[in-house]
Amino acid sequence: MAKLLALIMGVGVAMASGFYFMVLWGFFGAVPDTKEILDYQNNTASEVYSSDGVLLGKYFLQERTNTTFEELPSHLINALIATEDVRFYEHQGVDYYSLFRVAIKTLLLGNSSSGGGSTLTQQLAKNLFPRNGGGLLSLPVSKVKEMIVAKRLENVYDKDEILTLYLNTVSFSNNAFGIETASKRFFNKKPSELHLEESAVLVGMLKATTLYNPRRN
């Protein structure tokens, strides 16, 4: 029995490894390379000012204004990491402990409350390069691509840069993209001026944009 289990596990690992390298080598479509990652630019709003510096209006497809890491309060960063990726500073893009937990609790034991296995960096990879296509293998292919891109992101950006890019990229409700726009939209202040409770609300909205929307609830 033990030999059979070992054989099954060995075959499973071999198949998973083979699938990973097939995605890496482009059998299921190109994977964004380092140049594409470094060249990526967020869609931002064009702002129109009067001669005396008053904002008159904005033109945009996505209402977003990028911010810097120095403008992000520590309690906002702490709330994000505690909620989305508690081992953010310990992994290099992929949290294998979380993947193992998901494989055991969610897939084998059917416990959907055990949470997901995607890191902040993998979520950023999905936001930067959205999933496309359908079919039977679309989800596993997308997951593997996000793992590869996450590792590449960690190779070219430091942790602070990844956090900043993530918070500038994510979508909030009411057509607000990025933490700068969300802070102004919901609390009429810059991210650096957010109180701890306000930071908690905005991070919560990433999980449930309607439930935690301060305008609705």
N, C-alpha and C. Protein backbone atom coordinates (compact mmCIF):
# COMPACT_ATOMS: atom_id res chain seq x y z
N MET A 1 0.83 -1.20 0.00
CA MET A 1 0.00 0.00 0.00
C MET A 1 0.87 1.27 0.00
N ALA A 2 1.92 1.26 0.83
CA ALA A 2 2.81 2.40 0.91
C ALA A 2 3.51 2.64 -0.42
N LYS A 3 3.91 1.54 -1.08
CA LYS A 3 4.56 1.68 -2.38
C LYS A 3 3.61 2.26 -3.43
N LEU A 4 2.34 1.85 -3.34
CA LEU A 4 1.34 2.36 -4.28
C LEU A 4 1.12 3.85 -4.08
N LEU A 5 1.02 4.27 -2.82
CA LEU A 5 0.85 5.69 -2.53
C LEU A 5 2.06 6.49 -3.00
N ALA A 6 3.24 5.95 -2.77
CA ALA A 6 4.46 6.63 -3.21
C ALA A 6 4.50 6.75 -4.73
N LEU A 7 4.04 5.70 -5.40
CA LEU A 7 4.00 5.71 -6.87
C LEU A 7 3.02 6.77 -7.37
N ILE A 8 1.84 6.81 -6.74
CA ILE A 8 0.82 7.79 -7.14
C ILE A 8 1.33 9.21 -6.93
N MET A 9 1.98 9.42 -5.77
CA MET A 9 2.53 10.75 -5.48
C MET A 9 3.62 11.11 -6.47
N GLY A 10 4.45 10.14 -6.80
CA GLY A 10 5.53 10.39 -7.75
C GLY A 10 5.00 10.76 -9.13
N VAL A 11 3.98 10.03 -9.57
CA VAL A 11 3.36 10.33 -10.86
C VAL A 11 2.72 11.71 -10.85
N GLY A 12 2.06 12.04 -9.72
CA GLY A 12 1.41 13.34 -9.60
C GLY A 12 2.41 14.49 -9.67
N VAL A 13 3.53 14.32 -8.95
CA VAL A 13 4.58 15.35 -8.97
C VAL A 13 5.17 15.50 -10.37
N ALA A 14 5.38 14.37 -11.04
CA ALA A 14 5.95 14.40 -12.39
C ALA A 14 5.00 15.11 -13.36
N MET A 15 3.70 14.82 -13.25
CA MET A 15 2.72 15.45 -14.12
C MET A 15 2.63 16.95 -13.85
N ALA A 16 2.64 17.33 -12.56
CA ALA A 16 2.57 18.75 -12.20
C ALA A 16 3.80 19.49 -12.71
N SER A 17 4.97 18.87 -12.56
CA SER A 17 6.21 19.50 -13.03
C SER A 17 6.19 19.66 -14.54
N GLY A 18 5.73 18.63 -15.22
CA GLY A 18 5.64 18.69 -16.68
C GLY A 18 4.70 19.79 -17.14
N PHE A 19 3.56 19.89 -16.47
CA PHE A 19 2.59 20.93 -16.81
C PHE A 19 3.18 22.32 -16.59
N TYR A 20 3.89 22.49 -15.47
CA TYR A 20 4.52 23.78 -15.16
C TYR A 20 5.47 24.20 -16.26
N PHE A 21 6.32 23.29 -16.71
CA PHE A 21 7.30 23.64 -17.73
C PHE A 21 6.65 23.85 -19.09
N MET A 22 5.55 23.18 -19.36
CA MET A 22 4.82 23.42 -20.60
C MET A 22 4.28 24.85 -20.63
N VAL A 23 3.76 25.32 -19.48
CA VAL A 23 3.29 26.70 -19.40
C VAL A 23 4.46 27.66 -19.51
N LEU A 24 5.55 27.37 -18.81
CA LEU A 24 6.74 28.22 -18.82
C LEU A 24 7.30 28.38 -20.23
N TRP A 25 7.29 27.31 -21.00
CA TRP A 25 7.87 27.32 -22.34
C TRP A 25 6.89 27.81 -23.42
N GLY A 26 5.69 28.22 -22.99
CA GLY A 26 4.77 28.86 -23.92
C GLY A 26 3.84 27.94 -24.69
N PHE A 27 3.66 26.70 -24.25
CA PHE A 27 2.75 25.78 -24.95
C PHE A 27 1.30 26.25 -24.88
N PHE A 28 0.96 27.07 -23.86
CA PHE A 28 -0.41 27.55 -23.68
C PHE A 28 -0.49 29.07 -23.88
N GLY A 29 0.43 29.62 -24.65
CA GLY A 29 0.46 31.05 -24.86
C GLY A 29 1.64 31.69 -24.15
N ALA A 30 2.03 32.86 -24.63
CA ALA A 30 3.21 33.54 -24.09
C ALA A 30 3.00 33.96 -22.64
N VAL A 31 4.07 33.89 -21.87
CA VAL A 31 4.08 34.37 -20.49
C VAL A 31 4.85 35.69 -20.47
N PRO A 32 4.30 36.76 -19.87
CA PRO A 32 5.00 38.05 -19.85
C PRO A 32 6.43 37.91 -19.33
N ASP A 33 7.37 38.48 -20.09
CA ASP A 33 8.77 38.40 -19.67
C ASP A 33 9.16 39.64 -18.86
N THR A 34 10.42 39.69 -18.47
CA THR A 34 10.89 40.77 -17.61
C THR A 34 10.72 42.14 -18.27
N LYS A 35 10.96 42.24 -19.57
CA LYS A 35 10.83 43.52 -20.27
C LYS A 35 9.39 44.02 -20.22
N GLU A 36 8.42 43.12 -20.47
CA GLU A 36 7.01 43.50 -20.40
C GLU A 36 6.64 43.98 -19.00
N ILE A 37 7.18 43.32 -18.00
CA ILE A 37 6.89 43.70 -16.61
C ILE A 37 7.44 45.09 -16.30
N LEU A 38 8.68 45.34 -16.72
CA LEU A 38 9.30 46.64 -16.45
C LEU A 38 8.66 47.76 -17.26
N ASP A 39 8.12 47.43 -18.45
CA ASP A 39 7.52 48.44 -19.32
C ASP A 39 6.07 48.74 -18.97
N TYR A 40 5.48 47.98 -18.04
CA TYR A 40 4.05 48.14 -17.76
C TYR A 40 3.76 49.53 -17.19
N GLN A 41 2.67 50.13 -17.68
CA GLN A 41 2.22 51.43 -17.19
C GLN A 41 0.74 51.35 -16.85
N ASN A 42 0.36 51.78 -15.64
CA ASN A 42 -1.05 51.84 -15.27
C ASN A 42 -1.77 52.90 -16.09
N ASN A 43 -3.05 52.63 -16.42
CA ASN A 43 -3.89 53.67 -16.98
C ASN A 43 -4.16 54.71 -15.90
N THR A 44 -3.88 55.97 -16.19
CA THR A 44 -4.11 57.03 -15.21
C THR A 44 -5.00 58.11 -15.82
N ALA A 45 -5.65 58.86 -14.95
CA ALA A 45 -6.53 59.93 -15.40
C ALA A 45 -5.72 61.16 -15.79
N SER A 46 -6.15 61.83 -16.87
CA SER A 46 -5.56 63.12 -17.25
C SER A 46 -6.28 64.22 -16.49
N GLU A 47 -5.51 65.07 -15.80
CA GLU A 47 -6.10 66.11 -14.97
C GLU A 47 -5.95 67.48 -15.63
N VAL A 48 -7.01 68.28 -15.59
CA VAL A 48 -7.01 69.62 -16.17
C VAL A 48 -7.07 70.64 -15.05
N TYR A 49 -6.07 71.56 -15.00
CA TYR A 49 -5.98 72.56 -13.95
C TYR A 49 -6.14 73.97 -14.54
N SER A 50 -6.66 74.86 -13.73
CA SER A 50 -6.73 76.26 -14.11
C SER A 50 -5.36 76.91 -13.92
N SER A 51 -5.19 78.14 -14.39
CA SER A 51 -3.90 78.82 -14.29
C SER A 51 -3.47 79.06 -12.86
N ASP A 52 -4.44 79.06 -11.92
CA ASP A 52 -4.10 79.26 -10.51
C ASP A 52 -4.03 77.95 -9.73
N GLY A 53 -3.96 76.82 -10.46
CA GLY A 53 -3.72 75.54 -9.81
C GLY A 53 -4.93 74.81 -9.28
N VAL A 54 -6.14 75.20 -9.71
CA VAL A 54 -7.36 74.53 -9.25
C VAL A 54 -7.71 73.41 -10.23
N LEU A 55 -7.98 72.21 -9.69
CA LEU A 55 -8.36 71.07 -10.54
C LEU A 55 -9.76 71.31 -11.11
N LEU A 56 -9.85 71.35 -12.44
CA LEU A 56 -11.13 71.60 -13.11
C LEU A 56 -11.86 70.31 -13.47
N GLY A 57 -11.12 69.27 -13.77
CA GLY A 57 -11.76 68.02 -14.15
C GLY A 57 -10.75 66.97 -14.56
N LYS A 58 -11.26 65.77 -14.87
CA LYS A 58 -10.41 64.66 -15.27
C LYS A 58 -10.99 63.96 -16.49
N TYR A 59 -10.10 63.39 -17.30
CA TYR A 59 -10.49 62.55 -18.42
C TYR A 59 -9.85 61.19 -18.20
N PHE A 60 -10.63 60.13 -18.31
CA PHE A 60 -10.06 58.81 -17.99
C PHE A 60 -10.92 57.68 -18.54
N LEU A 61 -10.26 56.56 -18.76
CA LEU A 61 -10.94 55.27 -18.96
C LEU A 61 -11.04 54.56 -17.62
N GLN A 62 -9.98 54.66 -16.83
CA GLN A 62 -9.97 54.19 -15.45
C GLN A 62 -9.52 55.36 -14.58
N GLU A 63 -10.35 55.74 -13.61
CA GLU A 63 -9.98 56.88 -12.78
C GLU A 63 -8.92 56.44 -11.77
N ARG A 64 -7.69 56.80 -12.05
CA ARG A 64 -6.57 56.38 -11.21
C ARG A 64 -5.51 57.47 -11.18
N THR A 65 -4.96 57.72 -10.01
CA THR A 65 -3.79 58.56 -9.83
C THR A 65 -2.79 57.78 -9.00
N ASN A 66 -1.61 57.57 -9.54
CA ASN A 66 -0.61 56.76 -8.84
C ASN A 66 -0.06 57.51 -7.63
N THR A 67 0.32 56.75 -6.62
CA THR A 67 0.94 57.31 -5.42
C THR A 67 2.28 56.62 -5.18
N THR A 68 3.04 57.09 -4.22
CA THR A 68 4.35 56.51 -3.90
C THR A 68 4.28 55.78 -2.57
N PHE A 69 5.28 54.95 -2.30
CA PHE A 69 5.30 54.18 -1.06
C PHE A 69 5.37 55.10 0.15
N GLU A 70 6.09 56.21 0.02
CA GLU A 70 6.26 57.14 1.14
C GLU A 70 4.93 57.77 1.56
N GLU A 71 3.94 57.78 0.68
CA GLU A 71 2.64 58.36 0.97
C GLU A 71 1.66 57.34 1.57
N LEU A 72 2.11 56.10 1.72
CA LEU A 72 1.24 55.05 2.26
C LEU A 72 1.50 54.88 3.75
N PRO A 73 0.50 55.10 4.62
CA PRO A 73 0.72 54.94 6.06
C PRO A 73 1.00 53.49 6.44
N SER A 74 1.75 53.31 7.50
CA SER A 74 2.14 51.96 7.91
C SER A 74 0.94 51.10 8.27
N HIS A 75 -0.10 51.70 8.86
CA HIS A 75 -1.26 50.88 9.22
C HIS A 75 -2.02 50.39 7.99
N LEU A 76 -1.94 51.11 6.88
CA LEU A 76 -2.54 50.63 5.64
C LEU A 76 -1.77 49.42 5.12
N ILE A 77 -0.44 49.50 5.12
CA ILE A 77 0.39 48.39 4.68
C ILE A 77 0.19 47.18 5.59
N ASN A 78 0.16 47.41 6.91
CA ASN A 78 -0.02 46.30 7.85
C ASN A 78 -1.37 45.62 7.67
N ALA A 79 -2.42 46.41 7.43
CA ALA A 79 -3.76 45.85 7.22
C ALA A 79 -3.79 45.01 5.96
N LEU A 80 -3.15 45.50 4.89
CA LEU A 80 -3.12 44.77 3.62
C LEU A 80 -2.41 43.43 3.77
N ILE A 81 -1.24 43.44 4.40
CA ILE A 81 -0.47 42.21 4.56
C ILE A 81 -1.19 41.23 5.47
N ALA A 82 -1.74 41.72 6.59
CA ALA A 82 -2.45 40.84 7.52
C ALA A 82 -3.67 40.20 6.87
N THR A 83 -4.32 40.90 5.96
CA THR A 83 -5.54 40.39 5.34
C THR A 83 -5.26 39.50 4.14
N GLU A 84 -4.28 39.90 3.32
CA GLU A 84 -4.09 39.24 2.03
C GLU A 84 -2.91 38.27 1.96
N ASP A 85 -1.85 38.52 2.76
CA ASP A 85 -0.63 37.73 2.55
C ASP A 85 0.29 37.88 3.76
N VAL A 86 -0.01 37.13 4.81
CA VAL A 86 0.68 37.32 6.10
C VAL A 86 2.18 37.00 6.01
N ARG A 87 2.59 36.18 5.05
CA ARG A 87 4.01 35.84 4.90
C ARG A 87 4.65 36.59 3.71
N PHE A 88 4.11 37.76 3.41
CA PHE A 88 4.57 38.53 2.24
C PHE A 88 6.07 38.75 2.24
N TYR A 89 6.64 39.08 3.39
CA TYR A 89 8.07 39.39 3.45
C TYR A 89 8.94 38.13 3.53
N GLU A 90 8.33 36.97 3.56
CA GLU A 90 9.09 35.72 3.71
C GLU A 90 9.21 34.94 2.40
N HIS A 91 8.31 35.16 1.45
CA HIS A 91 8.35 34.39 0.20
C HIS A 91 8.92 35.22 -0.94
N GLN A 92 9.16 34.56 -2.06
CA GLN A 92 9.68 35.22 -3.25
C GLN A 92 8.65 35.18 -4.39
N GLY A 93 7.41 35.46 -4.03
CA GLY A 93 6.35 35.52 -5.04
C GLY A 93 5.31 34.44 -4.88
N VAL A 94 5.73 33.26 -4.43
CA VAL A 94 4.82 32.12 -4.26
C VAL A 94 4.97 31.59 -2.84
N ASP A 95 3.84 31.44 -2.15
CA ASP A 95 3.85 30.91 -0.77
C ASP A 95 3.49 29.43 -0.84
N TYR A 96 4.50 28.57 -0.82
CA TYR A 96 4.27 27.13 -0.99
C TYR A 96 3.53 26.55 0.20
N TYR A 97 3.68 27.15 1.38
CA TYR A 97 2.92 26.68 2.54
C TYR A 97 1.42 26.86 2.29
N SER A 98 1.03 28.03 1.75
CA SER A 98 -0.38 28.28 1.47
C SER A 98 -0.90 27.35 0.37
N LEU A 99 -0.06 27.11 -0.63
CA LEU A 99 -0.47 26.20 -1.70
C LEU A 99 -0.71 24.79 -1.16
N PHE A 100 0.16 24.35 -0.25
CA PHE A 100 -0.01 23.03 0.36
C PHE A 100 -1.29 22.98 1.18
N ARG A 101 -1.55 24.08 1.93
CA ARG A 101 -2.78 24.15 2.73
C ARG A 101 -4.02 24.06 1.85
N VAL A 102 -4.01 24.79 0.75
CA VAL A 102 -5.15 24.76 -0.17
C VAL A 102 -5.33 23.37 -0.75
N ALA A 103 -4.21 22.75 -1.14
CA ALA A 103 -4.29 21.41 -1.73
C ALA A 103 -4.90 20.41 -0.76
N ILE A 104 -4.53 20.48 0.51
CA ILE A 104 -5.02 19.53 1.50
C ILE A 104 -6.43 19.87 1.96
N LYS A 105 -6.63 21.10 2.45
CA LYS A 105 -7.90 21.46 3.06
C LYS A 105 -9.01 21.70 2.03
N THR A 106 -8.69 22.43 0.98
CA THR A 106 -9.73 22.80 0.01
C THR A 106 -10.01 21.68 -0.98
N LEU A 107 -8.96 21.16 -1.61
CA LEU A 107 -9.15 20.18 -2.67
C LEU A 107 -9.48 18.78 -2.13
N LEU A 108 -8.75 18.36 -1.08
CA LEU A 108 -8.95 17.01 -0.57
C LEU A 108 -10.06 16.93 0.48
N LEU A 109 -10.11 17.91 1.39
CA LEU A 109 -11.08 17.87 2.48
C LEU A 109 -12.34 18.68 2.20
N GLY A 110 -12.35 19.44 1.11
CA GLY A 110 -13.54 20.20 0.74
C GLY A 110 -13.87 21.35 1.66
N ASN A 111 -12.86 21.89 2.36
CA ASN A 111 -13.07 23.01 3.28
C ASN A 111 -12.81 24.32 2.55
N SER A 112 -13.87 24.95 2.02
CA SER A 112 -13.72 26.15 1.22
C SER A 112 -13.36 27.37 2.06
N SER A 113 -13.47 27.27 3.39
CA SER A 113 -13.18 28.40 4.27
C SER A 113 -11.69 28.51 4.59
N SER A 114 -10.88 27.62 4.05
CA SER A 114 -9.46 27.62 4.38
C SER A 114 -8.69 28.74 3.70
N GLY A 115 -9.32 29.48 2.79
CA GLY A 115 -8.67 30.60 2.14
C GLY A 115 -7.96 30.20 0.86
N GLY A 116 -7.50 31.22 0.12
CA GLY A 116 -6.81 30.96 -1.13
C GLY A 116 -5.31 30.86 -0.93
N GLY A 117 -4.61 30.48 -2.00
CA GLY A 117 -3.18 30.30 -1.92
C GLY A 117 -2.39 31.37 -2.64
N SER A 118 -3.09 32.35 -3.24
CA SER A 118 -2.40 33.38 -4.02
C SER A 118 -1.79 34.45 -3.11
N THR A 119 -0.55 34.79 -3.38
CA THR A 119 0.12 35.84 -2.64
C THR A 119 -0.27 37.20 -3.22
N LEU A 120 0.14 38.27 -2.52
CA LEU A 120 -0.07 39.61 -3.05
C LEU A 120 0.61 39.76 -4.41
N THR A 121 1.77 39.17 -4.56
CA THR A 121 2.50 39.28 -5.83
C THR A 121 1.77 38.53 -6.94
N GLN A 122 1.19 37.38 -6.64
CA GLN A 122 0.40 36.66 -7.64
C GLN A 122 -0.86 37.43 -8.00
N GLN A 123 -1.50 38.06 -7.00
CA GLN A 123 -2.66 38.90 -7.29
C GLN A 123 -2.27 40.08 -8.17
N LEU A 124 -1.10 40.65 -7.91
CA LEU A 124 -0.61 41.75 -8.74
C LEU A 124 -0.38 41.27 -10.16
N ALA A 125 0.19 40.08 -10.31
CA ALA A 125 0.41 39.51 -11.65
C ALA A 125 -0.91 39.39 -12.40
N LYS A 126 -1.97 38.95 -11.71
CA LYS A 126 -3.29 38.82 -12.34
C LYS A 126 -3.85 40.18 -12.72
N ASN A 127 -3.62 41.20 -11.86
CA ASN A 127 -4.13 42.54 -12.15
C ASN A 127 -3.40 43.18 -13.33
N LEU A 128 -2.08 42.97 -13.40
CA LEU A 128 -1.30 43.56 -14.47
C LEU A 128 -1.56 42.89 -15.81
N PHE A 129 -1.71 41.57 -15.77
CA PHE A 129 -1.90 40.80 -17.00
C PHE A 129 -3.14 39.91 -16.82
N PRO A 130 -4.34 40.48 -17.05
CA PRO A 130 -5.60 39.77 -16.77
C PRO A 130 -5.71 38.44 -17.51
N ARG A 131 -6.42 37.53 -16.89
CA ARG A 131 -6.66 36.22 -17.50
C ARG A 131 -7.51 36.37 -18.76
N ASN A 132 -7.28 35.49 -19.71
CA ASN A 132 -8.11 35.48 -20.91
C ASN A 132 -8.30 34.05 -21.39
N GLY A 133 -9.26 33.89 -22.27
CA GLY A 133 -9.53 32.56 -22.81
C GLY A 133 -10.38 31.71 -21.89
N GLY A 134 -10.79 30.58 -22.40
CA GLY A 134 -11.61 29.66 -21.61
C GLY A 134 -11.12 28.25 -21.83
N GLY A 135 -11.99 27.31 -21.58
CA GLY A 135 -11.61 25.93 -21.77
C GLY A 135 -11.30 25.22 -20.48
N LEU A 136 -11.10 23.94 -20.60
CA LEU A 136 -10.92 23.07 -19.44
C LEU A 136 -9.68 23.43 -18.62
N LEU A 137 -8.60 23.81 -19.29
CA LEU A 137 -7.33 24.06 -18.60
C LEU A 137 -7.06 25.54 -18.35
N SER A 138 -8.03 26.40 -18.64
CA SER A 138 -7.77 27.84 -18.54
C SER A 138 -7.38 28.27 -17.13
N LEU A 139 -8.07 27.74 -16.11
CA LEU A 139 -7.77 28.14 -14.74
C LEU A 139 -6.40 27.67 -14.29
N PRO A 140 -6.06 26.37 -14.41
CA PRO A 140 -4.72 25.94 -13.99
C PRO A 140 -3.61 26.62 -14.78
N VAL A 141 -3.83 26.85 -16.09
CA VAL A 141 -2.82 27.54 -16.89
C VAL A 141 -2.63 28.96 -16.37
N SER A 142 -3.74 29.66 -16.07
CA SER A 142 -3.65 31.03 -15.55
C SER A 142 -2.93 31.06 -14.21
N LYS A 143 -3.24 30.09 -13.34
CA LYS A 143 -2.60 30.04 -12.03
C LYS A 143 -1.08 29.86 -12.15
N VAL A 144 -0.68 28.96 -13.04
CA VAL A 144 0.76 28.72 -13.22
C VAL A 144 1.43 29.95 -13.82
N LYS A 145 0.77 30.59 -14.80
CA LYS A 145 1.33 31.81 -15.38
C LYS A 145 1.52 32.88 -14.31
N GLU A 146 0.54 33.02 -13.42
CA GLU A 146 0.64 34.01 -12.35
C GLU A 146 1.77 33.69 -11.39
N MET A 147 2.02 32.40 -11.15
CA MET A 147 3.15 32.02 -10.31
C MET A 147 4.47 32.43 -10.96
N ILE A 148 4.58 32.20 -12.26
CA ILE A 148 5.81 32.53 -12.99
C ILE A 148 6.03 34.04 -13.01
N VAL A 149 4.95 34.78 -13.32
CA VAL A 149 5.06 36.24 -13.38
C VAL A 149 5.37 36.80 -11.99
N ALA A 150 4.77 36.20 -10.94
CA ALA A 150 5.04 36.66 -9.57
C ALA A 150 6.51 36.52 -9.23
N LYS A 151 7.12 35.43 -9.62
CA LYS A 151 8.55 35.23 -9.36
C LYS A 151 9.38 36.27 -10.12
N ARG A 152 8.95 36.58 -11.34
CA ARG A 152 9.67 37.58 -12.13
C ARG A 152 9.50 38.97 -11.55
N LEU A 153 8.31 39.27 -11.03
CA LEU A 153 8.08 40.55 -10.36
C LEU A 153 9.01 40.71 -9.16
N GLU A 154 9.15 39.64 -8.39
CA GLU A 154 10.01 39.69 -7.19
C GLU A 154 11.48 39.83 -7.57
N ASN A 155 11.83 39.42 -8.79
CA ASN A 155 13.23 39.53 -9.23
C ASN A 155 13.59 40.96 -9.64
N VAL A 156 12.59 41.74 -10.09
CA VAL A 156 12.90 43.07 -10.63
C VAL A 156 12.42 44.20 -9.71
N TYR A 157 11.54 43.91 -8.76
CA TYR A 157 11.06 44.93 -7.83
C TYR A 157 11.32 44.49 -6.40
N ASP A 158 11.57 45.46 -5.51
CA ASP A 158 11.66 45.11 -4.10
C ASP A 158 10.26 45.08 -3.49
N LYS A 159 10.17 44.69 -2.23
CA LYS A 159 8.87 44.48 -1.59
C LYS A 159 8.05 45.77 -1.53
N ASP A 160 8.70 46.89 -1.22
CA ASP A 160 7.98 48.16 -1.14
C ASP A 160 7.41 48.54 -2.51
N GLU A 161 8.17 48.31 -3.55
CA GLU A 161 7.70 48.62 -4.91
C GLU A 161 6.52 47.75 -5.30
N ILE A 162 6.55 46.48 -4.89
CA ILE A 162 5.44 45.57 -5.20
C ILE A 162 4.18 46.01 -4.47
N LEU A 163 4.31 46.38 -3.21
CA LEU A 163 3.15 46.87 -2.44
C LEU A 163 2.57 48.13 -3.08
N THR A 164 3.45 49.04 -3.49
CA THR A 164 2.99 50.29 -4.10
C THR A 164 2.28 50.02 -5.42
N LEU A 165 2.88 49.16 -6.24
CA LEU A 165 2.28 48.83 -7.53
C LEU A 165 0.94 48.14 -7.34
N TYR A 166 0.85 47.27 -6.34
CA TYR A 166 -0.41 46.58 -6.04
C TYR A 166 -1.49 47.59 -5.66
N LEU A 167 -1.18 48.48 -4.74
CA LEU A 167 -2.19 49.44 -4.26
C LEU A 167 -2.54 50.48 -5.32
N ASN A 168 -1.65 50.71 -6.27
CA ASN A 168 -1.97 51.61 -7.37
C ASN A 168 -2.80 50.91 -8.45
N THR A 169 -2.81 49.59 -8.43
CA THR A 169 -3.44 48.82 -9.50
C THR A 169 -4.84 48.34 -9.15
N VAL A 170 -5.09 48.00 -7.89
CA VAL A 170 -6.33 47.33 -7.51
C VAL A 170 -7.56 48.21 -7.77
N SER A 171 -8.67 47.54 -8.01
CA SER A 171 -9.94 48.21 -8.28
C SER A 171 -10.81 48.22 -7.03
N PHE A 172 -11.32 49.39 -6.69
CA PHE A 172 -12.33 49.54 -5.64
C PHE A 172 -13.68 49.74 -6.34
N SER A 173 -14.73 49.89 -5.61
CA SER A 173 -16.03 50.09 -6.24
C SER A 173 -16.19 51.53 -6.70
N ASN A 174 -17.31 51.83 -7.36
CA ASN A 174 -17.61 53.18 -7.85
C ASN A 174 -16.55 53.70 -8.83
N ASN A 175 -16.02 52.78 -9.65
CA ASN A 175 -15.04 53.15 -10.68
C ASN A 175 -13.82 53.84 -10.10
N ALA A 176 -13.41 53.44 -8.92
CA ALA A 176 -12.21 53.98 -8.29
C ALA A 176 -11.09 52.95 -8.41
N PHE A 177 -10.00 53.34 -9.06
CA PHE A 177 -8.87 52.45 -9.26
C PHE A 177 -7.66 53.01 -8.51
N GLY A 178 -7.06 52.18 -7.68
CA GLY A 178 -5.89 52.60 -6.93
C GLY A 178 -6.24 53.28 -5.62
N ILE A 179 -5.31 53.22 -4.68
CA ILE A 179 -5.56 53.70 -3.32
C ILE A 179 -5.72 55.22 -3.27
N GLU A 180 -5.03 55.95 -4.13
CA GLU A 180 -5.13 57.41 -4.14
C GLU A 180 -6.56 57.85 -4.47
N THR A 181 -7.11 57.27 -5.55
CA THR A 181 -8.47 57.62 -5.96
C THR A 181 -9.49 57.16 -4.93
N ALA A 182 -9.30 55.95 -4.38
CA ALA A 182 -10.24 55.42 -3.39
C ALA A 182 -10.24 56.27 -2.12
N SER A 183 -9.07 56.71 -1.68
CA SER A 183 -8.99 57.54 -0.48
C SER A 183 -9.76 58.84 -0.66
N LYS A 184 -9.59 59.46 -1.83
CA LYS A 184 -10.29 60.71 -2.09
C LYS A 184 -11.79 60.48 -2.30
N ARG A 185 -12.13 59.38 -2.96
CA ARG A 185 -13.53 59.11 -3.26
C ARG A 185 -14.34 58.85 -1.99
N PHE A 186 -13.81 58.04 -1.09
CA PHE A 186 -14.59 57.61 0.06
C PHE A 186 -14.34 58.42 1.34
N PHE A 187 -13.16 59.05 1.45
CA PHE A 187 -12.86 59.79 2.68
C PHE A 187 -12.36 61.22 2.43
N ASN A 188 -12.31 61.61 1.15
CA ASN A 188 -11.92 62.98 0.78
C ASN A 188 -10.58 63.38 1.39
N LYS A 189 -9.60 62.48 1.30
CA LYS A 189 -8.28 62.78 1.82
C LYS A 189 -7.24 61.97 1.07
N LYS A 190 -5.98 62.33 1.21
CA LYS A 190 -4.89 61.59 0.60
C LYS A 190 -4.60 60.33 1.41
N PRO A 191 -3.97 59.31 0.80
CA PRO A 191 -3.65 58.10 1.55
C PRO A 191 -2.84 58.38 2.82
N SER A 192 -1.93 59.34 2.76
CA SER A 192 -1.08 59.65 3.91
C SER A 192 -1.89 60.18 5.09
N GLU A 193 -3.11 60.65 4.84
CA GLU A 193 -3.95 61.23 5.88
C GLU A 193 -4.97 60.25 6.46
N LEU A 194 -5.00 59.03 5.92
CA LEU A 194 -5.97 58.04 6.38
C LEU A 194 -5.76 57.66 7.84
N HIS A 195 -6.86 57.51 8.58
CA HIS A 195 -6.80 56.96 9.93
C HIS A 195 -6.78 55.44 9.84
N LEU A 196 -6.43 54.80 10.94
CA LEU A 196 -6.34 53.34 10.96
C LEU A 196 -7.66 52.70 10.53
N GLU A 197 -8.78 53.20 11.06
CA GLU A 197 -10.10 52.62 10.74
C GLU A 197 -10.42 52.78 9.26
N GLU A 198 -10.02 53.90 8.67
CA GLU A 198 -10.28 54.15 7.26
C GLU A 198 -9.44 53.22 6.38
N SER A 199 -8.21 53.00 6.80
CA SER A 199 -7.36 52.06 6.08
C SER A 199 -7.96 50.65 6.12
N ALA A 200 -8.49 50.27 7.28
CA ALA A 200 -9.10 48.95 7.43
C ALA A 200 -10.31 48.79 6.50
N VAL A 201 -11.11 49.85 6.38
CA VAL A 201 -12.28 49.81 5.49
C VAL A 201 -11.84 49.62 4.04
N LEU A 202 -10.85 50.38 3.60
CA LEU A 202 -10.40 50.29 2.21
C LEU A 202 -9.79 48.93 1.90
N VAL A 203 -9.01 48.39 2.83
CA VAL A 203 -8.45 47.05 2.62
C VAL A 203 -9.57 46.01 2.61
N GLY A 204 -10.56 46.18 3.50
CA GLY A 204 -11.70 45.27 3.50
C GLY A 204 -12.45 45.29 2.19
N MET A 205 -12.52 46.45 1.54
CA MET A 205 -13.22 46.56 0.26
C MET A 205 -12.58 45.72 -0.83
N LEU A 206 -11.30 45.40 -0.69
CA LEU A 206 -10.65 44.55 -1.68
C LEU A 206 -11.21 43.13 -1.63
N LYS A 207 -11.75 42.74 -0.48
CA LYS A 207 -12.39 41.43 -0.34
C LYS A 207 -13.85 41.48 -0.78
N ALA A 208 -14.53 42.58 -0.47
CA ALA A 208 -15.96 42.70 -0.76
C ALA A 208 -16.27 44.17 -1.00
N THR A 209 -16.20 44.59 -2.26
CA THR A 209 -16.33 46.02 -2.57
C THR A 209 -17.71 46.57 -2.21
N THR A 210 -18.74 45.74 -2.25
CA THR A 210 -20.08 46.22 -1.91
C THR A 210 -20.34 46.16 -0.41
N LEU A 211 -20.02 45.04 0.21
CA LEU A 211 -20.30 44.83 1.63
C LEU A 211 -19.62 45.89 2.49
N TYR A 212 -18.36 46.23 2.19
CA TYR A 212 -17.59 47.17 3.00
C TYR A 212 -17.58 48.58 2.42
N ASN A 213 -18.42 48.84 1.43
CA ASN A 213 -18.49 50.17 0.84
C ASN A 213 -19.08 51.14 1.86
N PRO A 214 -18.33 52.15 2.33
CA PRO A 214 -18.84 53.05 3.37
C PRO A 214 -20.01 53.91 2.89
N ARG A 215 -20.18 54.05 1.59
CA ARG A 215 -21.31 54.80 1.08
C ARG A 215 -22.62 54.00 1.20
N ARG A 216 -22.50 52.69 1.11
CA ARG A 216 -23.69 51.84 1.16
C ARG A 216 -23.96 51.32 2.57
N ASN A 217 -22.89 51.01 3.29
CA ASN A 217 -23.02 50.43 4.64
C ASN A 217 -22.14 51.23 5.60
